[in-house]
C-alpha atoms as a PDB file:
ATOM      1  CA  MET A   1      49.609   2.541 -45.258  1.00  0.00           C
ATOM      2  CA  THR A   2      49.661   6.274 -44.542  1.00  0.00           C
ATOM      3  CA  GLU A   3      48.010   7.766 -41.465  1.00  0.00           C
ATOM      4  CA  LEU A   4      46.492  11.257 -41.373  1.00  0.00           C
ATOM      5  CA  LYS A   5      45.881  13.004 -38.052  1.00  0.00           C
ATOM      6  CA  PHE A   6      42.626  14.986 -37.880  1.00  0.00           C
ATOM      7  CA  GLY A   7      41.538  17.171 -34.953  1.00  0.00           C
ATOM      8  CA  GLY A   8      38.292  18.432 -33.459  1.00  0.00           C
ATOM      9  CA  TYR A   9      37.111  20.223 -30.342  1.00  0.00           C
ATOM     10  CA  GLN A  10      33.535  19.108 -29.739  1.00  0.00           C
ATOM     11  CA  LEU A  11      31.880  16.700 -27.331  1.00  0.00           C
ATOM     12  CA  GLU A  12      31.019  13.095 -28.108  1.00  0.00           C
ATOM     13  CA  LYS A  13      27.437  13.631 -29.301  1.00  0.00           C
ATOM     14  CA  SER A  14      28.089  16.705 -31.434  1.00  0.00           C
ATOM     15  CA  VAL A  15      27.368  16.688 -35.155  1.00  0.00           C
ATOM     16  CA  HIS A  16      31.034  17.519 -35.810  1.00  0.00           C
ATOM     17  CA  THR A  17      32.320  14.570 -33.817  1.00  0.00           C
ATOM     18  CA  ARG A  18      29.857  12.271 -35.559  1.00  0.00           C
ATOM     19  CA  GLY A  19      30.907  13.722 -38.914  1.00  0.00           C
ATOM     20  CA  GLY A  20      34.551  13.130 -38.043  1.00  0.00           C
ATOM     21  CA  ARG A  21      33.840   9.497 -37.244  1.00  0.00           C
ATOM     22  CA  VAL A  22      32.108   9.067 -40.602  1.00  0.00           C
ATOM     23  CA  LEU A  23      35.152  10.659 -42.225  1.00  0.00           C
ATOM     24  CA  ALA A  24      37.578   8.295 -40.504  1.00  0.00           C
ATOM     25  CA  ALA A  25      35.644   5.251 -41.694  1.00  0.00           C
ATOM     26  CA  ALA A  26      35.163   6.655 -45.203  1.00  0.00           C
ATOM     27  CA  VAL A  27      38.880   7.409 -45.679  1.00  0.00           C
ATOM     28  CA  ALA A  28      39.795   3.766 -45.148  1.00  0.00           C
ATOM     29  CA  GLU A  29      36.957   2.589 -47.388  1.00  0.00           C
ATOM     30  CA  GLU A  30      37.618   5.008 -50.249  1.00  0.00           C
ATOM     31  CA  THR A  31      41.354   4.247 -50.352  1.00  0.00           C
ATOM     32  CA  ASP A  32      41.156   0.491 -49.705  1.00  0.00           C
ATOM     33  CA  GLY A  33      43.174   1.051 -46.552  1.00  0.00           C
ATOM     34  CA  ALA A  34      46.020   2.941 -48.224  1.00  0.00           C
ATOM     35  CA  LEU A  35      45.061   5.915 -46.057  1.00  0.00           C
ATOM     36  CA  THR A  36      43.757   5.893 -42.503  1.00  0.00           C
ATOM     37  CA  LEU A  37      42.569   8.832 -40.458  1.00  0.00           C
ATOM     38  CA  ALA A  38      43.218   9.068 -36.714  1.00  0.00           C
ATOM     39  CA  PHE A  39      40.567  11.410 -35.293  1.00  0.00           C
ATOM     40  CA  ASP A  40      41.478  13.337 -32.127  1.00  0.00           C
ATOM     41  CA  GLU A  41      37.876  14.177 -31.269  1.00  0.00           C
ATOM     42  CA  ASN A  42      38.306  16.848 -28.618  1.00  0.00           C
ATOM     43  CA  ILE A  43      41.601  18.663 -28.110  1.00  0.00           C
ATOM     44  CA  VAL A  44      39.922  20.853 -25.471  1.00  0.00           C
ATOM     45  CA  ALA A  45      39.744  17.797 -23.221  1.00  0.00           C
ATOM     46  CA  ARG A  46      43.566  17.705 -23.408  1.00  0.00           C
ATOM     47  CA  GLY A  47      43.911  21.307 -22.218  1.00  0.00           C
ATOM     48  CA  HIS A  48      44.017  23.100 -25.562  1.00  0.00           C
ATOM     49  CA  LYS A  49      41.851  25.987 -26.665  1.00  0.00           C
ATOM     50  CA  ALA A  50      39.606  25.188 -29.601  1.00  0.00           C
ATOM     51  CA  ALA A  51      41.437  27.769 -31.727  1.00  0.00           C
ATOM     52  CA  ASP A  52      44.663  25.771 -31.290  1.00  0.00           C
ATOM     53  CA  LEU A  53      43.368  23.466 -34.028  1.00  0.00           C
ATOM     54  CA  LEU A  54      44.510  25.998 -36.619  1.00  0.00           C
ATOM     55  CA  SER A  55      48.064  26.345 -35.316  1.00  0.00           C
ATOM     56  CA  LEU A  56      48.390  22.583 -34.753  1.00  0.00           C
ATOM     57  CA  THR A  57      47.336  21.923 -38.351  1.00  0.00           C
ATOM     58  CA  GLU A  58      49.519  24.657 -39.778  1.00  0.00           C
ATOM     59  CA  SER A  59      52.565  23.393 -37.854  1.00  0.00           C
ATOM     60  CA  GLY A  60      51.993  19.827 -39.015  1.00  0.00           C
ATOM     61  CA  GLU A  61      51.264  18.348 -35.586  1.00  0.00           C
ATOM     62  CA  LEU A  62      47.836  17.654 -37.075  1.00  0.00           C
ATOM     63  CA  ASP A  63      47.271  17.045 -40.779  1.00  0.00           C
ATOM     64  CA  GLY A  64      43.741  18.429 -40.802  1.00  0.00           C
ATOM     65  CA  CYS A  65      40.859  19.723 -38.727  1.00  0.00           C
ATOM     66  CA  TYR A  66      37.450  21.319 -38.911  1.00  0.00           C
ATOM     67  CA  PHE A  67      37.043  24.874 -37.653  1.00  0.00           C
ATOM     68  CA  SER A  68      34.821  27.939 -37.960  1.00  0.00           C
ATOM     69  CA  SER A  69      35.470  30.035 -41.065  1.00  0.00           C
ATOM     70  CA  SER A  70      35.074  33.184 -38.942  1.00  0.00           C
ATOM     71  CA  TYR A  71      38.397  32.570 -37.189  1.00  0.00           C
ATOM     72  CA  LEU A  72      40.266  32.687 -40.501  1.00  0.00           C
ATOM     73  CA  ALA A  73      38.544  35.821 -41.788  1.00  0.00           C
ATOM     74  CA  LYS A  74      41.384  38.120 -40.683  1.00  0.00           C
ATOM     75  CA  ARG A  75      43.805  36.198 -42.883  1.00  0.00           C
ATOM     76  CA  VAL A  76      41.282  35.500 -45.643  1.00  0.00           C
ATOM     77  CA  PRO A  77      38.887  38.472 -45.641  1.00  0.00           C
ATOM     78  CA  GLU A  78      36.762  36.909 -48.371  1.00  0.00           C
ATOM     79  CA  LEU A  79      35.519  34.361 -45.814  1.00  0.00           C
ATOM     80  CA  GLY A  80      33.645  37.269 -44.239  1.00  0.00           C
ATOM     81  CA  LEU A  81      30.991  36.680 -46.898  1.00  0.00           C
ATOM     82  CA  PHE A  82      29.675  34.007 -44.536  1.00  0.00           C
ATOM     83  CA  ASP A  83      29.527  36.530 -41.679  1.00  0.00           C
ATOM     84  CA  GLN A  84      26.723  38.624 -43.151  1.00  0.00           C
ATOM     85  CA  HIS A  85      24.053  38.400 -40.467  1.00  0.00           C
ATOM     86  CA  PHE A  86      20.380  38.048 -41.432  1.00  0.00           C
ATOM     87  CA  VAL A  87      21.282  37.738 -45.157  1.00  0.00           C
ATOM     88  CA  VAL A  88      21.114  34.018 -46.049  1.00  0.00           C
ATOM     89  CA  PRO A  89      17.686  32.862 -44.833  1.00  0.00           C
ATOM     90  CA  ASP A  90      18.013  29.077 -44.675  1.00  0.00           C
ATOM     91  CA  ARG A  91      20.280  26.059 -44.948  1.00  0.00           C
ATOM     92  CA  ARG A  92      19.259  25.108 -48.484  1.00  0.00           C
ATOM     93  CA  ARG A  93      20.497  28.371 -49.933  1.00  0.00           C
ATOM     94  CA  ALA A  94      23.596  28.397 -47.754  1.00  0.00           C
ATOM     95  CA  TYR A  95      24.587  24.930 -49.020  1.00  0.00           C
ATOM     96  CA  ALA A  96      24.014  26.056 -52.621  1.00  0.00           C
ATOM     97  CA  LEU A  97      26.455  28.939 -52.080  1.00  0.00           C
ATOM     98  CA  LEU A  98      29.059  26.681 -50.490  1.00  0.00           C
ATOM     99  CA  ASP A  99      28.819  23.955 -53.122  1.00  0.00           C
ATOM    100  CA  GLY A 100      28.871  26.253 -56.155  1.00  0.00           C
ATOM    101  CA  ALA A 101      31.136  28.796 -57.796  1.00  0.00           C
ATOM    102  CA  LEU A 102      31.400  30.905 -54.636  1.00  0.00           C
ATOM    103  CA  GLY A 103      32.658  27.964 -52.583  1.00  0.00           C
ATOM    104  CA  ASP A 104      35.231  27.159 -55.271  1.00  0.00           C
ATOM    105  CA  ARG A 105      36.406  30.763 -55.293  1.00  0.00           C
ATOM    106  CA  LEU A 106      36.842  30.808 -51.522  1.00  0.00           C
ATOM    107  CA  ARG A 107      38.868  27.587 -51.607  1.00  0.00           C
ATOM    108  CA  ARG A 108      41.308  29.341 -53.937  1.00  0.00           C
ATOM    109  CA  GLU A 109      41.485  32.404 -51.677  1.00  0.00           C
ATOM    110  CA  VAL A 110      42.290  30.274 -48.619  1.00  0.00           C
ATOM    111  CA  ALA A 111      44.994  28.396 -50.532  1.00  0.00           C
ATOM    112  CA  LYS A 112      46.596  31.672 -51.662  1.00  0.00           C
ATOM    113  CA  ALA A 113      46.630  33.290 -48.224  1.00  0.00           C
ATOM    114  CA  THR A 114      47.435  30.380 -45.899  1.00  0.00           C
ATOM    115  CA  GLY A 115      49.116  27.010 -45.632  1.00  0.00           C
ATOM    116  CA  PHE A 116      45.700  25.309 -45.679  1.00  0.00           C
ATOM    117  CA  GLU A 117      43.516  23.781 -48.330  1.00  0.00           C
ATOM    118  CA  VAL A 118      39.737  23.653 -47.880  1.00  0.00           C
ATOM    119  CA  LEU A 119      38.402  20.219 -48.833  1.00  0.00           C
ATOM    120  CA  GLY A 120      34.858  20.648 -47.524  1.00  0.00           C
ATOM    121  CA  TYR A 121      32.304  22.912 -45.905  1.00  0.00           C
ATOM    122  CA  TRP A 122      30.495  21.574 -42.852  1.00  0.00           C
ATOM    123  CA  ASP A 123      27.375  22.939 -41.193  1.00  0.00           C
ATOM    124  CA  ASN A 124      28.414  24.850 -38.074  1.00  0.00           C
ATOM    125  CA  GLY A 125      24.802  25.410 -37.083  1.00  0.00           C
ATOM    126  CA  LEU A 126      22.079  27.991 -37.370  1.00  0.00           C
ATOM    127  CA  ARG A 127      22.938  30.485 -34.667  1.00  0.00           C
ATOM    128  CA  HIS A 128      20.401  31.789 -32.145  1.00  0.00           C
ATOM    129  CA  ILE A 129      20.526  33.968 -29.031  1.00  0.00           C
ATOM    130  CA  THR A 130      20.175  32.456 -25.553  1.00  0.00           C
ATOM    131  CA  SER A 131      19.826  34.518 -22.387  1.00  0.00           C
ATOM    132  CA  ALA A 132      19.197  34.530 -18.664  1.00  0.00           C
ATOM    133  CA  VAL A 133      16.368  37.045 -19.146  1.00  0.00           C
ATOM    134  CA  PRO A 134      13.757  37.126 -21.927  1.00  0.00           C
ATOM    135  CA  ILE A 135      14.764  38.833 -25.173  1.00  0.00           C
ATOM    136  CA  LEU A 136      11.840  39.466 -27.501  1.00  0.00           C
ATOM    137  CA  SER A 137      12.875  42.618 -29.348  1.00  0.00           C
ATOM    138  CA  VAL A 138      15.893  44.727 -30.274  1.00  0.00           C
ATOM    139  CA  ALA A 139      15.126  46.990 -27.297  1.00  0.00           C
ATOM    140  CA  ASP A 140      15.598  44.046 -24.915  1.00  0.00           C
ATOM    141  CA  CYS A 141      19.234  43.636 -26.040  1.00  0.00           C
ATOM    142  CA  LYS A 142      20.406  46.995 -24.717  1.00  0.00           C
ATOM    143  CA  GLY A 143      23.273  46.749 -22.243  1.00  0.00           C
ATOM    144  CA  LEU A 144      23.375  42.955 -22.020  1.00  0.00           C
ATOM    145  CA  LYS A 145      26.797  41.293 -22.135  1.00  0.00           C
ATOM    146  CA  LEU A 146      26.766  38.752 -24.952  1.00  0.00           C
ATOM    147  CA  ARG A 147      29.422  36.168 -25.708  1.00  0.00           C
ATOM    148  CA  THR A 148      30.247  35.911 -29.372  1.00  0.00           C
ATOM    149  CA  LEU A 149      33.137  34.883 -31.593  1.00  0.00           C
ATOM    150  CA  ALA A 150      36.460  36.712 -31.648  1.00  0.00           C
ATOM    151  CA  ASN A 151      35.528  38.319 -34.954  1.00  0.00           C
ATOM    152  CA  GLU A 152      35.147  42.076 -35.390  1.00  0.00           C
ATOM    153  CA  ASP A 153      32.366  41.775 -37.984  1.00  0.00           C
ATOM    154  CA  HIS A 154      30.307  39.721 -35.542  1.00  0.00           C
ATOM    155  CA  GLN A 155      31.001  42.074 -32.669  1.00  0.00           C
ATOM    156  CA  ARG A 156      29.983  45.168 -34.648  1.00  0.00           C
ATOM    157  CA  VAL A 157      26.663  43.557 -35.552  1.00  0.00           C
ATOM    158  CA  PHE A 158      25.814  42.707 -31.957  1.00  0.00           C
ATOM    159  CA  ARG A 159      26.938  46.124 -30.779  1.00  0.00           C
ATOM    160  CA  ALA A 160      24.442  47.603 -33.242  1.00  0.00           C
ATOM    161  CA  LEU A 161      21.694  45.597 -31.530  1.00  0.00           C
ATOM    162  CA  GLY A 162      22.669  47.156 -28.191  1.00  0.00           C
ATOM    163  CA  PHE A 163      24.673  44.250 -26.753  1.00  0.00           C
ATOM    164  CA  ASP A 164      28.077  44.555 -25.100  1.00  0.00           C
ATOM    165  CA  PRO A 165      29.902  41.778 -27.030  1.00  0.00           C
ATOM    166  CA  GLN A 166      32.473  39.612 -25.251  1.00  0.00           C
ATOM    167  CA  ALA A 167      34.925  37.371 -27.132  1.00  0.00           C
ATOM    168  CA  ILE A 168      35.295  34.158 -25.091  1.00  0.00           C
ATOM    169  CA  ASP A 169      36.800  30.885 -26.311  1.00  0.00           C
ATOM    170  CA  VAL A 170      34.315  28.038 -26.474  1.00  0.00           C
ATOM    171  CA  ARG A 171      36.416  26.172 -23.893  1.00  0.00           C
ATOM    172  CA  ASP A 172      35.586  28.877 -21.331  1.00  0.00           C
ATOM    173  CA  LEU A 173      31.993  29.535 -22.409  1.00  0.00           C
ATOM    174  CA  PRO A 174      30.139  27.168 -20.021  1.00  0.00           C
ATOM    175  CA  GLU A 175      31.917  28.675 -17.005  1.00  0.00           C
ATOM    176  CA  ALA A 176      31.294  32.228 -18.252  1.00  0.00           C
ATOM    177  CA  VAL A 177      27.577  31.477 -18.548  1.00  0.00           C
ATOM    178  CA  ARG A 178      27.339  29.609 -15.244  1.00  0.00           C
ATOM    179  CA  THR A 179      29.055  32.409 -13.303  1.00  0.00           C
ATOM    180  CA  ARG A 180      27.021  35.044 -15.170  1.00  0.00           C
ATOM    181  CA  GLN A 181      30.017  36.798 -16.690  1.00  0.00           C
ATOM    182  CA  VAL A 182      27.689  37.137 -19.675  1.00  0.00           C
ATOM    183  CA  ASP A 183      23.939  37.675 -19.810  1.00  0.00           C
ATOM    184  CA  ALA A 184      23.509  36.144 -23.264  1.00  0.00           C
ATOM    185  CA  GLN A 185      25.357  34.190 -25.927  1.00  0.00           C
ATOM    186  CA  GLU A 186      24.750  33.068 -29.499  1.00  0.00           C
ATOM    187  CA  ASN A 187      25.245  29.531 -30.708  1.00  0.00           C
ATOM    188  CA  PRO A 188      23.496  26.665 -32.462  1.00  0.00           C
ATOM    189  CA  LEU A 189      20.978  24.716 -30.392  1.00  0.00           C
ATOM    190  CA  THR A 190      23.296  21.701 -30.274  1.00  0.00           C
ATOM    191  CA  ASN A 191      25.998  23.714 -28.470  1.00  0.00           C
ATOM    192  CA  THR A 192      23.459  25.287 -26.129  1.00  0.00           C
ATOM    193  CA  LEU A 193      22.302  21.825 -25.063  1.00  0.00           C
ATOM    194  CA  ASN A 194      25.584  19.890 -25.126  1.00  0.00           C
ATOM    195  CA  PHE A 195      27.567  22.565 -23.264  1.00  0.00           C
ATOM    196  CA  GLY A 196      24.877  22.886 -20.592  1.00  0.00           C
ATOM    197  CA  ILE A 197      24.209  26.546 -21.437  1.00  0.00           C
ATOM    198  CA  HIS A 198      20.487  25.951 -20.945  1.00  0.00           C
ATOM    199  CA  ASP A 199      20.979  25.224 -17.241  1.00  0.00           C
ATOM    200  CA  THR A 200      21.518  28.969 -16.746  1.00  0.00           C
ATOM    201  CA  HIS A 201      20.085  30.512 -19.919  1.00  0.00           C
ATOM    202  CA  ARG A 202      16.427  29.531 -19.794  1.00  0.00           C
ATOM    203  CA  TYR A 203      15.395  31.628 -22.803  1.00  0.00           C
ATOM    204  CA  ILE A 204      16.216  31.082 -26.481  1.00  0.00           C
ATOM    205  CA  LEU A 205      15.287  33.446 -29.293  1.00  0.00           C
ATOM    206  CA  LEU A 206      15.378  31.663 -32.666  1.00  0.00           C
ATOM    207  CA  THR A 207      16.979  34.467 -34.663  1.00  0.00           C
ATOM    208  CA  ARG A 208      18.628  32.296 -37.353  1.00  0.00           C
ATOM    209  CA  HIS A 209      20.951  35.264 -37.818  1.00  0.00           C
ATOM    210  CA  LEU A 210      23.724  33.189 -39.360  1.00  0.00           C
ATOM    211  CA  LEU A 211      24.518  29.712 -40.587  1.00  0.00           C
ATOM    212  CA  GLY A 212      27.976  29.056 -39.262  1.00  0.00           C
ATOM    213  CA  VAL A 213      30.417  27.403 -41.643  1.00  0.00           C
ATOM    214  CA  ALA A 214      33.068  24.941 -40.502  1.00  0.00           C
ATOM    215  CA  LEU A 215      35.916  24.568 -42.958  1.00  0.00           C
ATOM    216  CA  VAL A 216      37.410  21.103 -43.376  1.00  0.00           C
ATOM    217  CA  LEU A 217      41.054  22.135 -43.589  1.00  0.00           C
ATOM    218  CA  PHE A 218      44.202  20.195 -44.389  1.00  0.00           C
ATOM    219  CA  ASN A 219      47.842  21.190 -44.292  1.00  0.00           C
ATOM    220  CA  ALA A 220      48.717  21.933 -47.926  1.00  0.00           C
ATOM    221  CA  LYS A 221      52.227  20.441 -47.693  1.00  0.00           C
ATOM    222  CA  ARG A 222      50.844  17.239 -46.219  1.00  0.00           C
ATOM    223  CA  LEU A 223      48.305  16.965 -49.029  1.00  0.00           C
ATOM    224  CA  ALA A 224      51.083  17.461 -51.588  1.00  0.00           C
ATOM    225  CA  SER A 225      52.839  14.387 -50.180  1.00  0.00           C
ATOM    226  CA  LEU A 226      49.895  12.126 -51.053  1.00  0.00           C
ATOM    227  CA  ASP A 227      49.797  10.348 -54.375  1.00  0.00           C
ATOM    228  CA  PRO A 228      46.908  11.181 -56.778  1.00  0.00           C
ATOM    229  CA  ALA A 229      44.905   8.075 -55.868  1.00  0.00           C
ATOM    230  CA  GLN A 230      45.186   8.825 -52.143  1.00  0.00           C
ATOM    231  CA  ARG A 231      44.223  12.460 -52.670  1.00  0.00           C
ATOM    232  CA  ALA A 232      41.190  11.501 -54.771  1.00  0.00           C
ATOM    233  CA  GLY A 233      40.100   8.935 -52.187  1.00  0.00           C
ATOM    234  CA  LEU A 234      40.442  11.483 -49.395  1.00  0.00           C
ATOM    235  CA  GLN A 235      38.252  13.940 -51.292  1.00  0.00           C
ATOM    236  CA  ARG A 236      35.582  11.296 -51.891  1.00  0.00           C
ATOM    237  CA  ALA A 237      35.631  10.475 -48.176  1.00  0.00           C
ATOM    238  CA  ILE A 238      35.250  14.141 -47.229  1.00  0.00           C
ATOM    239  CA  ASP A 239      32.359  14.531 -49.670  1.00  0.00           C
ATOM    240  CA  ARG A 240      30.612  11.565 -48.020  1.00  0.00           C
ATOM    241  CA  ALA A 241      31.292  12.881 -44.520  1.00  0.00           C
ATOM    242  CA  THR A 242      30.055  16.346 -45.492  1.00  0.00           C
ATOM    243  CA  GLN A 243      26.686  15.012 -46.600  1.00  0.00           C
ATOM    244  CA  ALA A 244      26.389  12.982 -43.398  1.00  0.00           C
ATOM    245  CA  GLN A 245      27.460  15.883 -41.169  1.00  0.00           C
ATOM    246  CA  ARG A 246      24.937  18.250 -42.746  1.00  0.00           C
ATOM    247  CA  ARG A 247      22.186  15.667 -42.288  1.00  0.00           C
ATOM    248  CA  PHE A 248      23.183  15.269 -38.625  1.00  0.00           C
ATOM    249  CA  ALA A 249      23.039  19.056 -38.185  1.00  0.00           C
ATOM    250  CA  GLU A 250      19.536  19.367 -39.580  1.00  0.00           C
ATOM    251  CA  GLU A 251      18.241  16.398 -37.573  1.00  0.00           C
ATOM    252  CA  ASP A 252      19.953  17.674 -34.442  1.00  0.00           C
ATOM    253  CA  ASP A 253      18.063  20.975 -34.505  1.00  0.00           C
ATOM    254  CA  THR A 254      14.757  19.109 -34.194  1.00  0.00           C
ATOM    255  CA  ILE A 255      16.084  16.781 -31.496  1.00  0.00           C
ATOM    256  CA  CYS A 256      17.703  19.563 -29.467  1.00  0.00           C
ATOM    257  CA  SER A 257      14.669  21.823 -29.684  1.00  0.00           C
ATOM    258  CA  ALA A 258      12.421  19.072 -28.320  1.00  0.00           C
ATOM    259  CA  GLU A 259      14.881  18.218 -25.535  1.00  0.00           C
ATOM    260  CA  LEU A 260      15.334  21.856 -24.503  1.00  0.00           C
ATOM    261  CA  ARG A 261      11.572  22.401 -24.378  1.00  0.00           C
ATOM    262  CA  SER A 262      11.144  19.220 -22.319  1.00  0.00           C
ATOM    263  CA  GLN A 263      13.593  20.691 -19.778  1.00  0.00           C
ATOM    264  CA  GLY A 264      11.501  23.832 -19.423  1.00  0.00           C
ATOM    265  CA  VAL A 265      13.509  26.176 -21.634  1.00  0.00           C
ATOM    266  CA  THR A 266      11.374  28.887 -23.250  1.00  0.00           C
ATOM    267  CA  ILE A 267      12.001  28.940 -27.015  1.00  0.00           C
ATOM    268  CA  THR A 268      10.563  31.845 -28.991  1.00  0.00           C
ATOM    269  CA  GLU A 269      10.173  31.939 -32.764  1.00  0.00           C
ATOM    270  CA  LEU A 270      10.555  35.294 -34.488  1.00  0.00           C
ATOM    271  CA  SER A 271       7.903  36.255 -36.994  1.00  0.00           C
ATOM    272  CA  ASP A 272       9.117  37.519 -40.362  1.00  0.00           C
ATOM    273  CA  SER A 273       8.428  41.118 -39.335  1.00  0.00           C
ATOM    274  CA  GLU A 274      10.193  40.686 -35.980  1.00  0.00           C
ATOM    275  CA  ARG A 275      13.232  39.151 -37.678  1.00  0.00           C
ATOM    276  CA  GLU A 276      13.242  42.027 -40.154  1.00  0.00           C
ATOM    277  CA  ALA A 277      13.450  44.465 -37.215  1.00  0.00           C
ATOM    278  CA  PHE A 278      16.673  42.753 -36.105  1.00  0.00           C
ATOM    279  CA  ALA A 279      17.973  42.749 -39.675  1.00  0.00           C
ATOM    280  CA  LYS A 280      17.185  46.452 -40.095  1.00  0.00           C
ATOM    281  CA  ALA A 281      19.068  47.335 -36.890  1.00  0.00           C
ATOM    282  CA  THR A 282      22.196  45.559 -38.147  1.00  0.00           C
ATOM    283  CA  ARG A 283      22.035  46.381 -41.859  1.00  0.00           C
ATOM    284  CA  ALA A 284      24.486  49.293 -41.755  1.00  0.00           C
ATOM    285  CA  GLU A 285      27.121  47.085 -40.115  1.00  0.00           C
ATOM    286  CA  VAL A 286      26.506  44.252 -42.571  1.00  0.00           C
ATOM    287  CA  ASP A 287      26.920  46.760 -45.406  1.00  0.00           C
ATOM    288  CA  ILE A 288      30.317  47.761 -43.985  1.00  0.00           C
ATOM    289  CA  THR A 289      31.351  44.103 -44.167  1.00  0.00           C
ATOM    290  CA  ARG A 290      30.043  43.846 -47.744  1.00  0.00           C
ATOM    291  CA  GLN A 291      31.939  46.927 -48.881  1.00  0.00           C
ATOM    292  CA  SER A 292      35.217  45.338 -47.808  1.00  0.00           C
ATOM    293  CA  PHE A 293      34.849  42.821 -50.648  1.00  0.00           C
ATOM    294  CA  SER A 294      35.508  43.515 -54.311  1.00  0.00           C
ATOM    295  CA  SER A 295      32.516  44.397 -56.458  1.00  0.00           C
ATOM    296  CA  GLU A 296      33.188  41.227 -58.454  1.00  0.00           C
ATOM    297  CA  LEU A 297      32.961  39.074 -55.307  1.00  0.00           C
ATOM    298  CA  ARG A 298      29.800  40.826 -54.104  1.00  0.00           C
ATOM    299  CA  GLU A 299      28.199  40.271 -57.502  1.00  0.00           C
ATOM    300  CA  LEU A 300      29.146  36.586 -57.441  1.00  0.00           C
ATOM    301  CA  PHE A 301      27.639  36.186 -53.968  1.00  0.00           C
ATOM    302  CA  ASP A 302      24.402  37.949 -54.947  1.00  0.00           C
ATOM    303  CA  LYS A 303      24.118  36.013 -58.217  1.00  0.00           C
ATOM    304  CA  GLU A 304      24.620  32.663 -56.480  1.00  0.00           C
ATOM    305  CA  LEU A 305      22.172  33.569 -53.695  1.00  0.00           C
ATOM    306  CA  ASP A 306      19.500  34.668 -56.173  1.00  0.00           C
ATOM    307  CA  ALA A 307      19.923  31.430 -58.119  1.00  0.00           C
ATOM    308  CA  ALA A 308      19.794  29.198 -55.031  1.00  0.00           C
END
């Protein structure tokens, strides 16, 4: 029996933690016990930063993890295709991109540039803006400090909206919100609820500006040590866990929205024209991101999106 060590950084009820538990069970089932997966659900609880998952997996202390594609975009610029704000309008089309030729191409790019292999794409949530004061238009964003990811493409987009973007690790986000180091932040509803962001940020604007992508990554050398039957069983298990995790993510949006409203949080839907105003304000920055990719990759993205 061979044990694989898999890491995460989310709380017990999160869709990622639930997906990881499905994965652990599926690995044993799909390999008839030849492989097991020990899931370290939350390395943050042991004093790590969430971003340590990447270095722990690359060093071999962990064999695999899930983590936001945005954090690897410096090393694999092609992953920035997923960081085009206000471009992919819904989950269905995002999944079609991930599960088709574009997703296959990005797996190859990650393998070439890093010591990782991508074995799956998990739903990292539709991202929305929360705030301590109401935000209803682009004009309302001006001068507000907003926590976002440590990703220059993201920061340029929010700067274009008038925000003052702040890169803060998710481990430190609840404290930053509670002590009002930031006026706003952007995250899926599940994080807003589970991290207690809503206790301070009583306003949520449903911008749907991005569907975050969590890569299911494994150390390439560790994968090479598995025999073909083990590797095939692991992939089947990840495919099962991916479908479950995506289902959890979609269900969780409905559950979290209802719970947040029941606690008195004001949730505002953007009309199509209002969302287009946000998209228009950021389009020049999104175009800068697009131009950093080859024409062939841009054409593949557009073709796959049109066909979705």
